[in-house]
C-alpha atoms as a PDB file:
ATOM      1  CA  MET A   1      73.771  25.390  57.318  1.00  0.00           C
ATOM      2  CA  ASN A   2      71.524  25.976  54.446  1.00  0.00           C
ATOM      3  CA  THR A   3      70.423  29.511  53.137  1.00  0.00           C
ATOM      4  CA  VAL A   4      66.978  29.291  54.750  1.00  0.00           C
ATOM      5  CA  MET A   5      68.597  28.915  58.054  1.00  0.00           C
ATOM      6  CA  ILE A   6      70.918  31.873  57.515  1.00  0.00           C
ATOM      7  CA  ILE A   7      68.022  34.199  56.445  1.00  0.00           C
ATOM      8  CA  THR A   8      65.838  32.927  59.381  1.00  0.00           C
ATOM      9  CA  SER A   9      68.637  33.795  61.844  1.00  0.00           C
ATOM     10  CA  MET A  10      69.189  37.286  60.368  1.00  0.00           C
ATOM     11  CA  LEU A  11      65.577  38.078  60.260  1.00  0.00           C
ATOM     12  CA  VAL A  12      65.280  37.010  64.046  1.00  0.00           C
ATOM     13  CA  VAL A  13      68.331  39.285  64.937  1.00  0.00           C
ATOM     14  CA  ALA A  14      66.637  42.114  62.892  1.00  0.00           C
ATOM     15  CA  ALA A  15      63.437  41.628  64.622  1.00  0.00           C
ATOM     16  CA  VAL A  16      64.964  41.656  68.299  1.00  0.00           C
ATOM     17  CA  GLY A  17      67.157  44.637  67.274  1.00  0.00           C
ATOM     18  CA  ILE A  18      63.720  46.504  66.104  1.00  0.00           C
ATOM     19  CA  VAL A  19      61.612  45.442  69.266  1.00  0.00           C
ATOM     20  CA  VAL A  20      64.986  46.497  71.726  1.00  0.00           C
ATOM     21  CA  GLY A  21      65.264  49.816  69.847  1.00  0.00           C
ATOM     22  CA  PHE A  22      61.431  50.520  69.955  1.00  0.00           C
ATOM     23  CA  GLY A  23      61.686  49.793  73.562  1.00  0.00           C
ATOM     24  CA  LEU A  24      64.654  51.890  74.530  1.00  0.00           C
ATOM     25  CA  GLY A  25      63.177  54.850  72.560  1.00  0.00           C
ATOM     26  CA  ILE A  26      59.924  54.555  74.883  1.00  0.00           C
ATOM     27  CA  PHE A  27      62.398  54.188  78.041  1.00  0.00           C
ATOM     28  CA  GLY A  28      64.275  57.102  76.767  1.00  0.00           C
ATOM     29  CA  GLU A  29      61.329  59.075  76.347  1.00  0.00           C
ATOM     30  CA  LYS A  30      59.631  58.306  79.452  1.00  0.00           C
ATOM     31  CA  PHE A  31      62.614  58.833  81.926  1.00  0.00           C
ATOM     32  CA  LYS A  32      64.721  61.439  79.870  1.00  0.00           C
ATOM     33  CA  VAL A  33      66.235  64.057  81.895  1.00  0.00           C
ATOM     34  CA  GLU A  34      65.268  67.611  80.998  1.00  0.00           C
ATOM     35  CA  VAL A  35      68.251  69.903  80.062  1.00  0.00           C
ATOM     36  CA  ASP A  36      67.832  73.342  81.080  1.00  0.00           C
ATOM     37  CA  GLU A  37      69.579  75.155  78.160  1.00  0.00           C
ATOM     38  CA  LYS A  38      70.431  78.279  80.480  1.00  0.00           C
ATOM     39  CA  GLU A  39      71.955  75.897  82.897  1.00  0.00           C
ATOM     40  CA  ALA A  40      74.047  74.326  80.252  1.00  0.00           C
ATOM     41  CA  ALA A  41      75.115  77.802  78.714  1.00  0.00           C
ATOM     42  CA  VAL A  42      75.919  79.040  81.984  1.00  0.00           C
ATOM     43  CA  ARG A  43      78.017  76.154  82.878  1.00  0.00           C
ATOM     44  CA  GLU A  44      79.897  76.616  79.795  1.00  0.00           C
ATOM     45  CA  ALA A  45      80.457  80.165  80.548  1.00  0.00           C
ATOM     46  CA  LEU A  46      81.991  79.342  84.089  1.00  0.00           C
ATOM     47  CA  PRO A  47      85.800  78.881  84.296  1.00  0.00           C
ATOM     48  CA  GLY A  48      85.591  75.389  85.413  1.00  0.00           C
ATOM     49  CA  ASN A  49      88.196  75.685  88.445  1.00  0.00           C
ATOM     50  CA  ASN A  50      85.639  73.964  90.607  1.00  0.00           C
ATOM     51  CA  CYS A  51      87.436  76.034  93.322  1.00  0.00           C
ATOM     52  CA  GLY A  52      84.211  76.605  95.462  1.00  0.00           C
ATOM     53  CA  ALA A  53      85.032  80.154  96.381  1.00  0.00           C
ATOM     54  CA  CYS A  54      81.235  81.075  95.081  1.00  0.00           C
ATOM     55  CA  GLY A  55      79.960  79.031  98.063  1.00  0.00           C
ATOM     56  CA  PHE A  56      78.949  76.036  95.886  1.00  0.00           C
ATOM     57  CA  ALA A  57      80.162  72.671  95.515  1.00  0.00           C
ATOM     58  CA  GLY A  58      81.476  73.438  92.118  1.00  0.00           C
ATOM     59  CA  CYS A  59      80.769  75.032  88.814  1.00  0.00           C
ATOM     60  CA  ASP A  60      77.968  72.545  88.056  1.00  0.00           C
ATOM     61  CA  ALA A  61      76.287  73.422  91.184  1.00  0.00           C
ATOM     62  CA  MET A  62      76.879  77.148  90.585  1.00  0.00           C
ATOM     63  CA  ALA A  63      75.481  77.238  87.113  1.00  0.00           C
ATOM     64  CA  LYS A  64      72.281  75.053  88.512  1.00  0.00           C
ATOM     65  CA  ALA A  65      71.929  77.930  91.092  1.00  0.00           C
ATOM     66  CA  ILE A  66      72.318  80.861  88.545  1.00  0.00           C
ATOM     67  CA  ALA A  67      69.875  79.381  86.130  1.00  0.00           C
ATOM     68  CA  SER A  68      67.393  78.892  88.901  1.00  0.00           C
ATOM     69  CA  GLY A  69      67.539  82.351  90.235  1.00  0.00           C
ATOM     70  CA  GLN A  70      69.079  81.211  93.465  1.00  0.00           C
ATOM     71  CA  ALA A  71      72.529  82.860  92.990  1.00  0.00           C
ATOM     72  CA  ALA A  72      73.642  86.036  91.380  1.00  0.00           C
ATOM     73  CA  VAL A  73      75.332  86.351  87.994  1.00  0.00           C
ATOM     74  CA  ASN A  74      78.390  87.769  89.403  1.00  0.00           C
ATOM     75  CA  GLY A  75      78.980  85.182  92.071  1.00  0.00           C
ATOM     76  CA  CYS A  76      82.006  83.511  90.481  1.00  0.00           C
ATOM     77  CA  PRO A  77      85.167  85.533  91.791  1.00  0.00           C
ATOM     78  CA  VAL A  78      87.637  83.475  89.435  1.00  0.00           C
ATOM     79  CA  GLY A  79      85.793  84.747  86.213  1.00  0.00           C
ATOM     80  CA  GLY A  80      85.381  88.271  87.254  1.00  0.00           C
ATOM     81  CA  ASP A  81      83.603  90.902  85.625  1.00  0.00           C
ATOM     82  CA  GLY A  82      84.100  89.167  82.157  1.00  0.00           C
ATOM     83  CA  VAL A  83      82.374  85.855  83.002  1.00  0.00           C
ATOM     84  CA  ALA A  84      79.631  87.992  84.942  1.00  0.00           C
ATOM     85  CA  ALA A  85      78.824  89.974  81.633  1.00  0.00           C
ATOM     86  CA  LEU A  86      78.624  86.517  79.671  1.00  0.00           C
ATOM     87  CA  ILE A  87      76.230  84.918  82.128  1.00  0.00           C
ATOM     88  CA  ALA A  88      74.011  88.068  82.491  1.00  0.00           C
ATOM     89  CA  ASP A  89      73.747  87.990  78.663  1.00  0.00           C
ATOM     90  CA  ILE A  90      72.675  84.287  78.829  1.00  0.00           C
ATOM     91  CA  MET A  91      70.228  85.061  81.798  1.00  0.00           C
ATOM     92  CA  GLY A  92      68.784  88.354  80.178  1.00  0.00           C
ATOM     93  CA  VAL A  93      69.596  90.561  83.154  1.00  0.00           C
ATOM     94  CA  GLN A  94      71.912  93.450  83.910  1.00  0.00           C
ATOM     95  CA  ALA A  95      75.193  92.454  85.509  1.00  0.00           C
ATOM     96  CA  GLU A  96      76.314  94.808  88.427  1.00  0.00           C
ATOM     97  CA  ALA A  97      79.932  95.140  89.121  1.00  0.00           C
ATOM     98  CA  ALA A  98      81.002  93.072  92.088  1.00  0.00           C
ATOM     99  CA  ASP A  99      83.304  94.396  94.847  1.00  0.00           C
ATOM    100  CA  LYS A 100      86.391  92.761  93.806  1.00  0.00           C
ATOM    101  CA  LYS A 101      88.475  91.175  96.603  1.00  0.00           C
ATOM    102  CA  VAL A 102      92.144  89.869  96.911  1.00  0.00           C
ATOM    103  CA  ALA A 103      93.906  87.725  99.337  1.00  0.00           C
ATOM    104  CA  TYR A 104      96.272  89.655 101.815  1.00  0.00           C
ATOM    105  CA  VAL A 105      98.891  88.178 104.268  1.00  0.00           C
ATOM    106  CA  ARG A 106      98.726  90.118 107.463  1.00  0.00           C
ATOM    107  CA  CYS A 107     102.547  89.609 108.457  1.00  0.00           C
ATOM    108  CA  SER A 108     105.765  91.400 107.802  1.00  0.00           C
ATOM    109  CA  GLY A 109     107.932  88.975 109.855  1.00  0.00           C
ATOM    110  CA  THR A 110     110.896  88.461 107.188  1.00  0.00           C
ATOM    111  CA  CYS A 111     113.848  86.446 107.888  1.00  0.00           C
ATOM    112  CA  ASP A 112     115.751  89.438 109.050  1.00  0.00           C
ATOM    113  CA  ALA A 113     113.082  90.804 111.184  1.00  0.00           C
ATOM    114  CA  THR A 114     112.101  87.862 113.390  1.00  0.00           C
ATOM    115  CA  LYS A 115     114.553  85.743 115.496  1.00  0.00           C
ATOM    116  CA  ALA A 116     115.093  82.100 114.730  1.00  0.00           C
ATOM    117  CA  LYS A 117     114.549  79.634 117.822  1.00  0.00           C
ATOM    118  CA  TYR A 118     116.398  76.739 116.076  1.00  0.00           C
ATOM    119  CA  ASN A 119     117.532  75.412 112.856  1.00  0.00           C
ATOM    120  CA  TYR A 120     114.351  73.756 111.319  1.00  0.00           C
ATOM    121  CA  SER A 121     115.143  71.014 108.946  1.00  0.00           C
ATOM    122  CA  GLY A 122     111.886  69.061 108.839  1.00  0.00           C
ATOM    123  CA  ILE A 123     109.092  68.985 106.433  1.00  0.00           C
ATOM    124  CA  LYS A 124     108.518  72.360 104.642  1.00  0.00           C
ATOM    125  CA  ASP A 125     104.578  72.467 105.341  1.00  0.00           C
ATOM    126  CA  CYS A 126     103.041  75.021 107.706  1.00  0.00           C
ATOM    127  CA  ARG A 127     100.234  72.662 108.745  1.00  0.00           C
ATOM    128  CA  MET A 128     102.832  69.903 109.406  1.00  0.00           C
ATOM    129  CA  ALA A 129     104.953  72.460 111.305  1.00  0.00           C
ATOM    130  CA  THR A 130     102.293  73.386 113.650  1.00  0.00           C
ATOM    131  CA  VAL A 131     102.402  69.990 115.162  1.00  0.00           C
ATOM    132  CA  VAL A 132     106.382  69.937 115.801  1.00  0.00           C
ATOM    133  CA  PRO A 133     107.135  71.129 119.147  1.00  0.00           C
ATOM    134  CA  GLY A 134     107.950  74.680 118.996  1.00  0.00           C
ATOM    135  CA  ALA A 135     105.766  75.347 115.848  1.00  0.00           C
ATOM    136  CA  GLY A 136     108.424  76.453 113.211  1.00  0.00           C
ATOM    137  CA  ASP A 137     111.738  77.923 113.810  1.00  0.00           C
ATOM    138  CA  LYS A 138     110.520  81.788 113.847  1.00  0.00           C
ATOM    139  CA  ALA A 139     110.166  83.119 117.699  1.00  0.00           C
ATOM    140  CA  CYS A 140     106.974  84.849 116.606  1.00  0.00           C
ATOM    141  CA  SER A 141     104.376  82.333 117.320  1.00  0.00           C
ATOM    142  CA  VAL A 142     101.499  83.975 115.433  1.00  0.00           C
ATOM    143  CA  GLY A 143     103.422  84.995 112.279  1.00  0.00           C
ATOM    144  CA  CYS A 144     104.056  83.571 108.839  1.00  0.00           C
ATOM    145  CA  MET A 145     106.071  80.319 109.063  1.00  0.00           C
ATOM    146  CA  GLY A 146     107.201  80.874 105.529  1.00  0.00           C
ATOM    147  CA  PHE A 147     106.898  77.118 104.300  1.00  0.00           C
ATOM    148  CA  GLY A 148     104.431  77.872 101.599  1.00  0.00           C
ATOM    149  CA  SER A 149     101.330  75.783 102.288  1.00  0.00           C
ATOM    150  CA  CYS A 150      99.478  78.757 100.839  1.00  0.00           C
ATOM    151  CA  VAL A 151     101.629  78.774  97.777  1.00  0.00           C
ATOM    152  CA  GLN A 152     100.975  75.057  97.001  1.00  0.00           C
ATOM    153  CA  ALA A 153      97.228  75.451  97.389  1.00  0.00           C
ATOM    154  CA  CYS A 154      96.959  78.455  94.910  1.00  0.00           C
ATOM    155  CA  GLU A 155      95.923  77.410  91.482  1.00  0.00           C
ATOM    156  CA  PHE A 156      96.741  80.811  89.855  1.00  0.00           C
ATOM    157  CA  ASP A 157     100.465  81.255  90.840  1.00  0.00           C
ATOM    158  CA  ALA A 158      99.317  84.347  92.828  1.00  0.00           C
ATOM    159  CA  ILE A 159     100.980  83.814  96.054  1.00  0.00           C
ATOM    160  CA  HIS A 160     104.889  83.035  96.833  1.00  0.00           C
ATOM    161  CA  VAL A 161     107.122  83.158  99.873  1.00  0.00           C
ATOM    162  CA  VAL A 162     109.319  86.105  99.683  1.00  0.00           C
ATOM    163  CA  ASN A 163     112.166  86.544 102.567  1.00  0.00           C
ATOM    164  CA  GLY A 164     110.361  84.289 104.701  1.00  0.00           C
ATOM    165  CA  VAL A 165     106.886  85.795 104.379  1.00  0.00           C
ATOM    166  CA  ALA A 166     104.084  84.895 102.024  1.00  0.00           C
ATOM    167  CA  VAL A 167     103.272  87.855  99.380  1.00  0.00           C
ATOM    168  CA  VAL A 168     100.131  87.973  97.197  1.00  0.00           C
ATOM    169  CA  ASP A 169     100.445  89.269  93.527  1.00  0.00           C
ATOM    170  CA  LYS A 170      96.964  91.008  93.846  1.00  0.00           C
ATOM    171  CA  ASP A 171      96.472  91.339  90.000  1.00  0.00           C
ATOM    172  CA  ALA A 172      96.906  87.312  89.640  1.00  0.00           C
ATOM    173  CA  CYS A 173      94.581  86.648  92.834  1.00  0.00           C
ATOM    174  CA  LYS A 174      91.228  85.364  92.073  1.00  0.00           C
ATOM    175  CA  ALA A 175      89.966  85.511  95.619  1.00  0.00           C
ATOM    176  CA  CYS A 176      89.050  81.833  95.641  1.00  0.00           C
ATOM    177  CA  GLY A 177      90.121  81.739  99.123  1.00  0.00           C
ATOM    178  CA  LYS A 178      91.919  78.364  99.272  1.00  0.00           C
ATOM    179  CA  CYS A 179      95.063  80.071 100.597  1.00  0.00           C
ATOM    180  CA  ILE A 180      93.057  81.224 103.520  1.00  0.00           C
ATOM    181  CA  ASP A 181      92.077  77.472 104.312  1.00  0.00           C
ATOM    182  CA  ALA A 182      95.674  76.241 103.832  1.00  0.00           C
ATOM    183  CA  CYS A 183      97.236  78.945 106.281  1.00  0.00           C
ATOM    184  CA  PRO A 184      97.221  77.426 109.725  1.00  0.00           C
ATOM    185  CA  GLN A 185      97.930  80.623 111.563  1.00  0.00           C
ATOM    186  CA  LYS A 186      94.952  82.383 110.045  1.00  0.00           C
ATOM    187  CA  LEU A 187      97.070  85.169 108.832  1.00  0.00           C
ATOM    188  CA  ILE A 188      95.240  85.379 105.311  1.00  0.00           C
ATOM    189  CA  GLN A 189      92.058  87.520 104.454  1.00  0.00           C
ATOM    190  CA  LEU A 190      90.175  88.670 101.752  1.00  0.00           C
ATOM    191  CA  VAL A 191      90.170  92.458 101.366  1.00  0.00           C
ATOM    192  CA  PRO A 192      88.955  95.123  99.034  1.00  0.00           C
ATOM    193  CA  TYR A 193      91.048  95.264  95.991  1.00  0.00           C
ATOM    194  CA  LYS A 194      91.093  98.951  96.167  1.00  0.00           C
ATOM    195  CA  GLN A 195      92.399  98.914  99.370  1.00  0.00           C
ATOM    196  CA  ASP A 196      95.814 100.221  99.802  1.00  0.00           C
ATOM    197  CA  THR A 197      96.285 100.380 103.682  1.00  0.00           C
ATOM    198  CA  PHE A 198      97.057  97.305 105.751  1.00  0.00           C
ATOM    199  CA  VAL A 199      98.536  96.541 109.148  1.00  0.00           C
ATOM    200  CA  ARG A 200     101.102  93.833 108.672  1.00  0.00           C
ATOM    201  CA  CYS A 201     100.895  92.355 111.883  1.00  0.00           C
ATOM    202  CA  VAL A 202      98.410  90.253 114.261  1.00  0.00           C
ATOM    203  CA  ASN A 203     100.368  89.952 117.394  1.00  0.00           C
ATOM    204  CA  LYS A 204      98.248  91.141 120.227  1.00  0.00           C
ATOM    205  CA  ASP A 205     101.196  91.311 122.666  1.00  0.00           C
ATOM    206  CA  LYS A 206     102.379  94.454 124.177  1.00  0.00           C
ATOM    207  CA  GLY A 207     105.225  96.193 122.480  1.00  0.00           C
ATOM    208  CA  PRO A 208     108.177  94.766 124.294  1.00  0.00           C
ATOM    209  CA  ALA A 209     107.038  91.439 123.886  1.00  0.00           C
ATOM    210  CA  VAL A 210     106.438  91.982 120.316  1.00  0.00           C
ATOM    211  CA  LYS A 211     109.843  93.442 119.741  1.00  0.00           C
ATOM    212  CA  ALA A 212     111.582  90.802 121.428  1.00  0.00           C
ATOM    213  CA  VAL A 213     110.380  88.317 118.680  1.00  0.00           C
ATOM    214  CA  CYS A 214     110.141  90.654 115.712  1.00  0.00           C
ATOM    215  CA  SER A 215     111.470  94.081 114.689  1.00  0.00           C
ATOM    216  CA  ASN A 216     108.640  94.489 112.176  1.00  0.00           C
ATOM    217  CA  GLY A 217     105.630  93.961 114.726  1.00  0.00           C
ATOM    218  CA  CYS A 218     103.141  96.485 116.012  1.00  0.00           C
ATOM    219  CA  ILE A 219     104.103  98.149 118.981  1.00  0.00           C
ATOM    220  CA  GLY A 220     100.751  98.851 120.145  1.00  0.00           C
ATOM    221  CA  CYS A 221     101.327 102.687 120.643  1.00  0.00           C
ATOM    222  CA  THR A 222      97.963 103.719 119.550  1.00  0.00           C
ATOM    223  CA  LEU A 223      99.217 106.830 117.441  1.00  0.00           C
ATOM    224  CA  CYS A 224      97.533 105.492 114.393  1.00  0.00           C
ATOM    225  CA  THR A 225      94.100 105.560 115.848  1.00  0.00           C
ATOM    226  CA  LYS A 226      94.811 108.996 117.221  1.00  0.00           C
ATOM    227  CA  GLN A 227      95.556 110.096 113.585  1.00  0.00           C
ATOM    228  CA  CYS A 228      92.674 108.607 111.815  1.00  0.00           C
ATOM    229  CA  LYS A 229      89.728 111.202 111.187  1.00  0.00           C
ATOM    230  CA  PHE A 230      87.278 108.388 109.792  1.00  0.00           C
ATOM    231  CA  ASP A 231      87.295 106.025 112.921  1.00  0.00           C
ATOM    232  CA  ALA A 232      88.741 103.303 110.608  1.00  0.00           C
ATOM    233  CA  ILE A 233      91.535 101.805 112.752  1.00  0.00           C
ATOM    234  CA  HIS A 234      91.342 100.516 116.373  1.00  0.00           C
ATOM    235  CA  MET A 235      93.350  98.393 118.708  1.00  0.00           C
ATOM    236  CA  ASP A 236      92.613  94.671 119.223  1.00  0.00           C
ATOM    237  CA  GLY A 237      94.825  94.011 122.329  1.00  0.00           C
ATOM    238  CA  GLY A 238      98.201  95.458 121.404  1.00  0.00           C
ATOM    239  CA  VAL A 239      97.599  95.494 117.752  1.00  0.00           C
ATOM    240  CA  ALA A 240      95.885  97.893 115.397  1.00  0.00           C
ATOM    241  CA  VAL A 241      93.239  96.553 113.149  1.00  0.00           C
ATOM    242  CA  ILE A 242      91.607  98.461 110.066  1.00  0.00           C
ATOM    243  CA  ASP A 243      87.936  98.643 109.614  1.00  0.00           C
ATOM    244  CA  TYR A 244      88.032  98.356 105.533  1.00  0.00           C
ATOM    245  CA  SER A 245      84.561  99.666 105.220  1.00  0.00           C
ATOM    246  CA  LYS A 246      85.452 103.040 106.941  1.00  0.00           C
ATOM    247  CA  CYS A 247      89.087 103.325 105.762  1.00  0.00           C
ATOM    248  CA  LYS A 248      89.718 106.105 102.927  1.00  0.00           C
ATOM    249  CA  ASN A 249      93.068 105.096 102.316  1.00  0.00           C
ATOM    250  CA  CYS A 250      94.552 108.357 103.042  1.00  0.00           C
ATOM    251  CA  GLY A 251      97.560 106.790 104.545  1.00  0.00           C
ATOM    252  CA  LEU A 252      98.049 109.166 107.637  1.00  0.00           C
ATOM    253  CA  CYS A 253      98.130 106.085 109.835  1.00  0.00           C
ATOM    254  CA  ALA A 254     100.929 104.556 107.983  1.00  0.00           C
ATOM    255  CA  ALA A 255     102.766 108.106 108.168  1.00  0.00           C
ATOM    256  CA  VAL A 256     102.794 108.245 111.667  1.00  0.00           C
ATOM    257  CA  CYS A 257     103.688 104.689 112.534  1.00  0.00           C
ATOM    258  CA  PRO A 258     107.027 104.452 114.240  1.00  0.00           C
ATOM    259  CA  ALA A 259     107.188 100.843 113.635  1.00  0.00           C
ATOM    260  CA  LYS A 260     106.344 101.229 109.884  1.00  0.00           C
ATOM    261  CA  VAL A 261     104.065  98.122 110.166  1.00  0.00           C
ATOM    262  CA  ILE A 262     101.300  99.888 108.549  1.00  0.00           C
ATOM    263  CA  GLN A 263     101.613  99.631 104.779  1.00  0.00           C
ATOM    264  CA  HIS A 264     100.543 102.210 102.521  1.00  0.00           C
ATOM    265  CA  PRO A 265     102.212 102.913  99.010  1.00  0.00           C
ATOM    266  CA  LYS A 266     102.721 106.694  99.493  1.00  0.00           C
ATOM    267  CA  ALA A 267     103.766 106.069 103.208  1.00  0.00           C
ATOM    268  CA  GLU A 268     107.223 107.606 102.824  1.00  0.00           C
ATOM    269  CA  GLN A 269     105.995 110.886 101.207  1.00  0.00           C
ATOM    270  CA  LEU A 270     103.355 111.545 103.734  1.00  0.00           C
ATOM    271  CA  ARG A 271     106.103 111.045 106.537  1.00  0.00           C
ATOM    272  CA  GLU A 272     108.107 113.781 104.564  1.00  0.00           C
ATOM    273  CA  ALA A 273     105.237 116.086 104.135  1.00  0.00           C
ATOM    274  CA  ILE A 274     104.254 115.639 107.979  1.00  0.00           C
ATOM    275  CA  ALA A 275     108.029 116.208 108.844  1.00  0.00           C
ATOM    276  CA  LYS A 276     108.005 119.484 106.599  1.00  0.00           C
ATOM    277  CA  LYS A 277     104.838 120.489 108.127  1.00  0.00           C
ATOM    278  CA  LYS A 278     106.081 120.164 111.709  1.00  0.00           C
ATOM    279  CA  ALA A 279     109.362 122.168 110.813  1.00  0.00           C
ATOM    280  CA  ALA A 280     107.498 124.932 109.226  1.00  0.00           C
ATOM    281  CA  ASP A 281     105.070 125.264 112.124  1.00  0.00           C
ATOM    282  CA  ALA A 282     107.925 125.174 114.567  1.00  0.00           C
ATOM    283  CA  ALA A 283     109.776 127.781 112.717  1.00  0.00           C
ATOM    284  CA  LYS A 284     106.586 129.912 112.508  1.00  0.00           C
ATOM    285  CA  LYS A 285     105.818 129.571 116.060  1.00  0.00           C
ATOM    286  CA  LYS A 286     109.438 130.515 117.056  1.00  0.00           C
ATOM    287  CA  ALA A 287     109.350 133.521 114.531  1.00  0.00           C
ATOM    288  CA  GLU A 288     106.085 134.656 116.271  1.00  0.00           C
ATOM    289  CA  LEU A 289     107.727 134.171 119.799  1.00  0.00           C
ATOM    290  CA  GLU A 290     110.728 136.110 118.718  1.00  0.00           C
ATOM    291  CA  ALA A 291     108.446 138.934 117.400  1.00  0.00           C
ATOM    292  CA  ALA A 292     106.374 138.945 120.392  1.00  0.00           C
ATOM    293  CA  LYS A 293     109.686 139.469 122.686  1.00  0.00           C
ATOM    294  CA  ALA A 294     110.761 142.149 120.200  1.00  0.00           C
ATOM    295  CA  ALA A 295     107.608 143.945 120.382  1.00  0.00           C
ATOM    296  CA  ALA A 296     107.489 143.814 124.212  1.00  0.00           C
ATOM    297  CA  ALA A 297     110.895 144.954 124.469  1.00  0.00           C
ATOM    298  CA  ALA A 298     110.152 148.095 122.304  1.00  0.00           C
ATOM    299  CA  GLU A 299     107.130 149.011 124.403  1.00  0.00           C
ATOM    300  CA  ALA A 300     108.744 148.570 127.591  1.00  0.00           C
ATOM    301  CA  PRO A 301     109.717 151.916 129.286  1.00  0.00           C
ATOM    302  CA  LYS A 302     113.216 153.208 128.931  1.00  0.00           C
ATOM    303  CA  THR A 303     115.145 154.024 132.267  1.00  0.00           C
ATOM    304  CA  GLU A 304     116.885 157.183 132.202  1.00  0.00           C
ATOM    305  CA  ALA A 305     120.719 157.135 132.853  1.00  0.00           C
END
């Protein structure tokens, strides 16, 4: 091969490269996809969990919706107020504080409270256990099965099984809702973060039937509904249900609950306060009665001997 052929080949290759490059440049300009800088910035600010808790397919879809004004800047429950503030700054709007929510498990059927029907040695998965005859080893058919399907679903280590019942760490929970989808018993719900009062039972059966399967269940006595001054708690069948939009977290329903199935951080103190007030009222009434008797005796006419 002589020098002329080598040079010719090089020139041909160079020419082809120039033509192809020019063509790619034209096609690239003609068919280029416009990148929304705000959308890209919003996507960068989102945590990237792709959990779907926002209602969109993932963070990409969420970013596109926010950038186009179809979703609120505080729509990511995982990111919280911090991410909302970043996105608000990108979008040039004011971030409104979102009502923070957390997951809560409505069951108190611990291993020592609910009776066992048999010794279960199958797969430790709640969803699988529901298809097994008997649906788990606990006598309560509507309570927490305790095999931890919700634990496996959580990406934030925010829920664990303690003594046979799933318990949520409210400070670690991001309200993504995956544990809700994973629970075949439908025991988990999102509640306001500030909420302190909960009914830890969903069994709608009558009191004797509930007590036959779980000592921690709601007996349907209705004392809580009579105690509430805010019309925030009502009966659904045999179980009390709280309306969180009306509840003031006063804890009085928990204080009068004989089964102690209503949870409140100051329930014991409230019970003691109520007991002391009842004792004081009883003592006052007794003293008034004795004083009235003494006054009546003093005013009664004396018989002469």
